[in-house]
């Protein structure tokens, strides 16, 4: 799927938020500048979370309270699942949506099923390409609703 602008990326994130449930894990993968944080911002807007969603690069994780809270993690500087567990977030992830940037190879075991979002951006262009990869559960069916 092609997204011409960062605002389109946020908009798709907001649409995905309508399909999310407590306990969901969404892993955002892509190179620097591909739109991972913009997509997470859209999810936050769609969930109605409090506060501005910004990259948690330096704090590693932020909890955004809301009707369905969002845990936003930047795993770029983390080396293992143990380090993710050591974050000891002050939230019950079973009652939240967890969105992890740079999480590939680190956080998949946090949930039995998860959604992988692959983002790419070509050169100097603002156009992003996004692919959704369902990993177990009912993600494939939920993604069908997103594509309609």
C-alpha atoms as a PDB file:
ATOM      1  CA  UNK A   1       0.000   0.000   0.000  1.00  0.00           C
ATOM      2  CA  UNK A   2       1.353   3.429  -0.951  1.00  0.00           C
ATOM      3  CA  UNK A   3       1.079   6.378   1.423  1.00  0.00           C
ATOM      4  CA  UNK A   4       2.014   9.681  -0.255  1.00  0.00           C
ATOM      5  CA  UNK A   5       2.493  11.747   2.925  1.00  0.00           C
ATOM      6  CA  UNK A   6       3.290  11.431   6.618  1.00  0.00           C
ATOM      7  CA  UNK A   7      -0.303  12.512   7.282  1.00  0.00           C
ATOM      8  CA  UNK A   8      -1.532   9.552   5.206  1.00  0.00           C
ATOM      9  CA  UNK A   9       0.702   7.318   7.333  1.00  0.00           C
ATOM     10  CA  UNK A  10      -0.847   8.731  10.516  1.00  0.00           C
ATOM     11  CA  UNK A  11      -4.314   8.294   9.023  1.00  0.00           C
ATOM     12  CA  UNK A  12      -3.744   4.616   8.306  1.00  0.00           C
ATOM     13  CA  UNK A  13      -2.443   4.167  11.851  1.00  0.00           C
ATOM     14  CA  UNK A  14      -5.672   5.742  13.157  1.00  0.00           C
ATOM     15  CA  UNK A  15      -7.723   3.354  11.011  1.00  0.00           C
ATOM     16  CA  UNK A  16      -5.767   0.386  12.359  1.00  0.00           C
ATOM     17  CA  UNK A  17      -6.459   1.593  15.907  1.00  0.00           C
ATOM     18  CA  UNK A  18     -10.141   0.885  15.321  1.00  0.00           C
ATOM     19  CA  UNK A  19      -9.274  -2.804  14.967  1.00  0.00           C
ATOM     20  CA  UNK A  20      -7.020  -3.058  18.017  1.00  0.00           C
ATOM     21  CA  UNK A  21      -7.916  -4.813  21.265  1.00  0.00           C
ATOM     22  CA  UNK A  22      -6.387  -5.060  24.731  1.00  0.00           C
ATOM     23  CA  UNK A  23      -3.301  -7.275  24.659  1.00  0.00           C
ATOM     24  CA  UNK A  24      -2.481  -6.628  20.993  1.00  0.00           C
ATOM     25  CA  UNK A  25       1.153  -6.363  19.938  1.00  0.00           C
ATOM     26  CA  UNK A  26       2.057  -4.301  16.863  1.00  0.00           C
ATOM     27  CA  UNK A  27       5.689  -4.390  15.698  1.00  0.00           C
ATOM     28  CA  UNK A  28       6.811  -1.566  13.405  1.00  0.00           C
ATOM     29  CA  UNK A  29       9.793  -2.361  11.208  1.00  0.00           C
ATOM     30  CA  UNK A  30      11.608  -0.215   8.698  1.00  0.00           C
ATOM     31  CA  UNK A  31      14.678   1.942   8.259  1.00  0.00           C
ATOM     32  CA  UNK A  32      15.204   5.339   9.838  1.00  0.00           C
ATOM     33  CA  UNK A  33      12.707   7.837   8.438  1.00  0.00           C
ATOM     34  CA  UNK A  34      10.311   5.205   7.088  1.00  0.00           C
ATOM     35  CA  UNK A  35       7.379   6.464   9.150  1.00  0.00           C
ATOM     36  CA  UNK A  36       7.302   4.215  12.199  1.00  0.00           C
ATOM     37  CA  UNK A  37       6.680   7.064  14.640  1.00  0.00           C
ATOM     38  CA  UNK A  38       4.121   8.723  12.333  1.00  0.00           C
ATOM     39  CA  UNK A  39       2.241   5.420  12.178  1.00  0.00           C
ATOM     40  CA  UNK A  40       2.408   5.086  15.988  1.00  0.00           C
ATOM     41  CA  UNK A  41       1.089   8.647  16.304  1.00  0.00           C
ATOM     42  CA  UNK A  42      -1.896   7.675  14.181  1.00  0.00           C
ATOM     43  CA  UNK A  43      -2.549   4.649  16.375  1.00  0.00           C
ATOM     44  CA  UNK A  44      -2.457   6.918  19.432  1.00  0.00           C
ATOM     45  CA  UNK A  45      -4.952   9.339  17.875  1.00  0.00           C
ATOM     46  CA  UNK A  46      -7.230   6.472  16.890  1.00  0.00           C
ATOM     47  CA  UNK A  47      -7.099   5.025  20.400  1.00  0.00           C
ATOM     48  CA  UNK A  48      -7.782   8.424  21.954  1.00  0.00           C
ATOM     49  CA  UNK A  49      -4.729   8.288  24.208  1.00  0.00           C
ATOM     50  CA  UNK A  50      -3.678  11.225  26.341  1.00  0.00           C
ATOM     51  CA  UNK A  51      -0.590  13.244  25.494  1.00  0.00           C
ATOM     52  CA  UNK A  52       1.452  13.664  22.370  1.00  0.00           C
ATOM     53  CA  UNK A  53       2.928  10.500  20.896  1.00  0.00           C
ATOM     54  CA  UNK A  54       6.609  11.082  20.116  1.00  0.00           C
ATOM     55  CA  UNK A  55       9.477   8.730  19.499  1.00  0.00           C
ATOM     56  CA  UNK A  56      10.517   7.086  22.777  1.00  0.00           C
ATOM     57  CA  UNK A  57      14.120   6.739  21.566  1.00  0.00           C
ATOM     58  CA  UNK A  58      15.773   8.181  24.666  1.00  0.00           C
ATOM     59  CA  UNK A  59      13.325   6.952  27.300  1.00  0.00           C
ATOM     60  CA  UNK A  60      12.840   3.611  25.491  1.00  0.00           C
ATOM     61  CA  UNK A  61       9.160   3.314  26.488  1.00  0.00           C
ATOM     62  CA  UNK A  62       6.196   5.569  27.180  1.00  0.00           C
ATOM     63  CA  UNK A  63       2.774   4.668  28.485  1.00  0.00           C
ATOM     64  CA  UNK A  64      -0.084   6.715  27.029  1.00  0.00           C
ATOM     65  CA  UNK A  65      -3.249   6.417  29.135  1.00  0.00           C
ATOM     66  CA  UNK A  66      -6.607   6.367  27.435  1.00  0.00           C
ATOM     67  CA  UNK A  67      -9.762   4.311  26.955  1.00  0.00           C
ATOM     68  CA  UNK A  68      -7.403   1.669  25.547  1.00  0.00           C
ATOM     69  CA  UNK A  69      -3.907   2.590  26.796  1.00  0.00           C
ATOM     70  CA  UNK A  70      -0.934   2.384  24.457  1.00  0.00           C
ATOM     71  CA  UNK A  71       2.562   1.301  25.440  1.00  0.00           C
ATOM     72  CA  UNK A  72       4.980   2.768  22.878  1.00  0.00           C
ATOM     73  CA  UNK A  73       8.454   1.211  22.867  1.00  0.00           C
ATOM     74  CA  UNK A  74      11.567   1.989  20.852  1.00  0.00           C
ATOM     75  CA  UNK A  75      13.642  -1.199  20.913  1.00  0.00           C
ATOM     76  CA  UNK A  76      16.494   0.196  18.793  1.00  0.00           C
ATOM     77  CA  UNK A  77      18.974   0.225  21.693  1.00  0.00           C
ATOM     78  CA  UNK A  78      17.715  -2.976  23.305  1.00  0.00           C
ATOM     79  CA  UNK A  79      19.661  -6.151  22.724  1.00  0.00           C
ATOM     80  CA  UNK A  80      17.345  -8.865  24.020  1.00  0.00           C
ATOM     81  CA  UNK A  81      13.874  -9.781  25.226  1.00  0.00           C
ATOM     82  CA  UNK A  82      15.288  -9.737  28.768  1.00  0.00           C
ATOM     83  CA  UNK A  83      15.987  -6.022  28.386  1.00  0.00           C
ATOM     84  CA  UNK A  84      12.413  -5.501  27.200  1.00  0.00           C
ATOM     85  CA  UNK A  85      11.130  -7.397  30.249  1.00  0.00           C
ATOM     86  CA  UNK A  86      13.395  -5.300  32.463  1.00  0.00           C
ATOM     87  CA  UNK A  87      11.526  -2.155  31.429  1.00  0.00           C
ATOM     88  CA  UNK A  88       8.961  -3.073  34.099  1.00  0.00           C
ATOM     89  CA  UNK A  89       6.326  -0.795  32.652  1.00  0.00           C
ATOM     90  CA  UNK A  90       3.725   0.557  35.045  1.00  0.00           C
ATOM     91  CA  UNK A  91       0.864  -0.835  33.004  1.00  0.00           C
ATOM     92  CA  UNK A  92      -0.788  -4.182  32.464  1.00  0.00           C
ATOM     93  CA  UNK A  93       0.086  -5.003  28.843  1.00  0.00           C
ATOM     94  CA  UNK A  94      -2.848  -7.422  28.731  1.00  0.00           C
ATOM     95  CA  UNK A  95      -5.093  -4.339  29.061  1.00  0.00           C
ATOM     96  CA  UNK A  96      -3.135  -2.181  26.617  1.00  0.00           C
ATOM     97  CA  UNK A  97      -1.994  -2.085  23.032  1.00  0.00           C
ATOM     98  CA  UNK A  98       1.781  -2.413  22.761  1.00  0.00           C
ATOM     99  CA  UNK A  99       3.429  -0.729  19.757  1.00  0.00           C
ATOM    100  CA  UNK A 100       7.133  -1.465  19.314  1.00  0.00           C
ATOM    101  CA  UNK A 101       9.406   0.359  16.878  1.00  0.00           C
ATOM    102  CA  UNK A 102      12.531  -1.571  15.807  1.00  0.00           C
ATOM    103  CA  UNK A 103      11.136  -4.676  17.537  1.00  0.00           C
ATOM    104  CA  UNK A 104      11.890  -7.354  14.969  1.00  0.00           C
ATOM    105  CA  UNK A 105      13.762 -10.278  16.496  1.00  0.00           C
ATOM    106  CA  UNK A 106      13.240  -8.971  20.049  1.00  0.00           C
ATOM    107  CA  UNK A 107       9.623  -8.814  21.091  1.00  0.00           C
ATOM    108  CA  UNK A 108       7.707 -11.399  19.103  1.00  0.00           C
ATOM    109  CA  UNK A 109       7.460 -13.679  22.139  1.00  0.00           C
ATOM    110  CA  UNK A 110       5.553 -11.050  24.113  1.00  0.00           C
ATOM    111  CA  UNK A 111       2.308 -12.296  22.530  1.00  0.00           C
ATOM    112  CA  UNK A 112       0.983 -15.483  20.968  1.00  0.00           C
ATOM    113  CA  UNK A 113      -0.112 -13.494  17.925  1.00  0.00           C
ATOM    114  CA  UNK A 114       1.041 -10.125  16.639  1.00  0.00           C
ATOM    115  CA  UNK A 115       0.892  -7.773  13.706  1.00  0.00           C
ATOM    116  CA  UNK A 116       4.067  -6.803  11.900  1.00  0.00           C
ATOM    117  CA  UNK A 117       3.970  -3.523   9.984  1.00  0.00           C
ATOM    118  CA  UNK A 118       6.769  -3.116   7.444  1.00  0.00           C
ATOM    119  CA  UNK A 119       7.423   0.451   6.307  1.00  0.00           C
ATOM    120  CA  UNK A 120       9.802   1.673   3.616  1.00  0.00           C
ATOM    121  CA  UNK A 121      10.445   5.052   2.063  1.00  0.00           C
ATOM    122  CA  UNK A 122      12.262   5.644  -1.167  1.00  0.00           C
ATOM    123  CA  UNK A 123      15.162   8.106  -1.198  1.00  0.00           C
ATOM    124  CA  UNK A 124      14.140  11.746  -0.847  1.00  0.00           C
ATOM    125  CA  UNK A 125      10.483  10.979  -1.464  1.00  0.00           C
ATOM    126  CA  UNK A 126       7.779  11.339   1.169  1.00  0.00           C
ATOM    127  CA  UNK A 127       5.983   8.339  -0.334  1.00  0.00           C
ATOM    128  CA  UNK A 128       5.963   5.367   1.981  1.00  0.00           C
ATOM    129  CA  UNK A 129       5.193   1.749   1.215  1.00  0.00           C
ATOM    130  CA  UNK A 130       3.503  -0.242   3.951  1.00  0.00           C
ATOM    131  CA  UNK A 131       2.898  -3.966   4.238  1.00  0.00           C
ATOM    132  CA  UNK A 132       1.021  -5.762   6.981  1.00  0.00           C
ATOM    133  CA  UNK A 133       2.079  -9.264   7.995  1.00  0.00           C
ATOM    134  CA  UNK A 134      -0.266 -11.235  10.234  1.00  0.00           C
ATOM    135  CA  UNK A 135       1.390 -13.596  12.696  1.00  0.00           C
ATOM    136  CA  UNK A 136      -1.256 -15.883  14.155  1.00  0.00           C
ATOM    137  CA  UNK A 137      -4.525 -15.177  15.881  1.00  0.00           C
ATOM    138  CA  UNK A 138      -7.229 -13.452  13.873  1.00  0.00           C
ATOM    139  CA  UNK A 139      -4.952 -10.791  12.408  1.00  0.00           C
ATOM    140  CA  UNK A 140      -5.594 -11.866   8.801  1.00  0.00           C
ATOM    141  CA  UNK A 141      -9.347 -11.369   9.225  1.00  0.00           C
ATOM    142  CA  UNK A 142      -8.873  -8.025  10.964  1.00  0.00           C
ATOM    143  CA  UNK A 143      -6.572  -6.849   8.174  1.00  0.00           C
ATOM    144  CA  UNK A 144      -9.267  -7.652   5.616  1.00  0.00           C
ATOM    145  CA  UNK A 145     -11.447  -5.027   7.328  1.00  0.00           C
ATOM    146  CA  UNK A 146      -8.598  -2.502   7.090  1.00  0.00           C
ATOM    147  CA  UNK A 147      -8.173  -3.056   3.359  1.00  0.00           C
ATOM    148  CA  UNK A 148     -11.883  -2.490   2.593  1.00  0.00           C
END
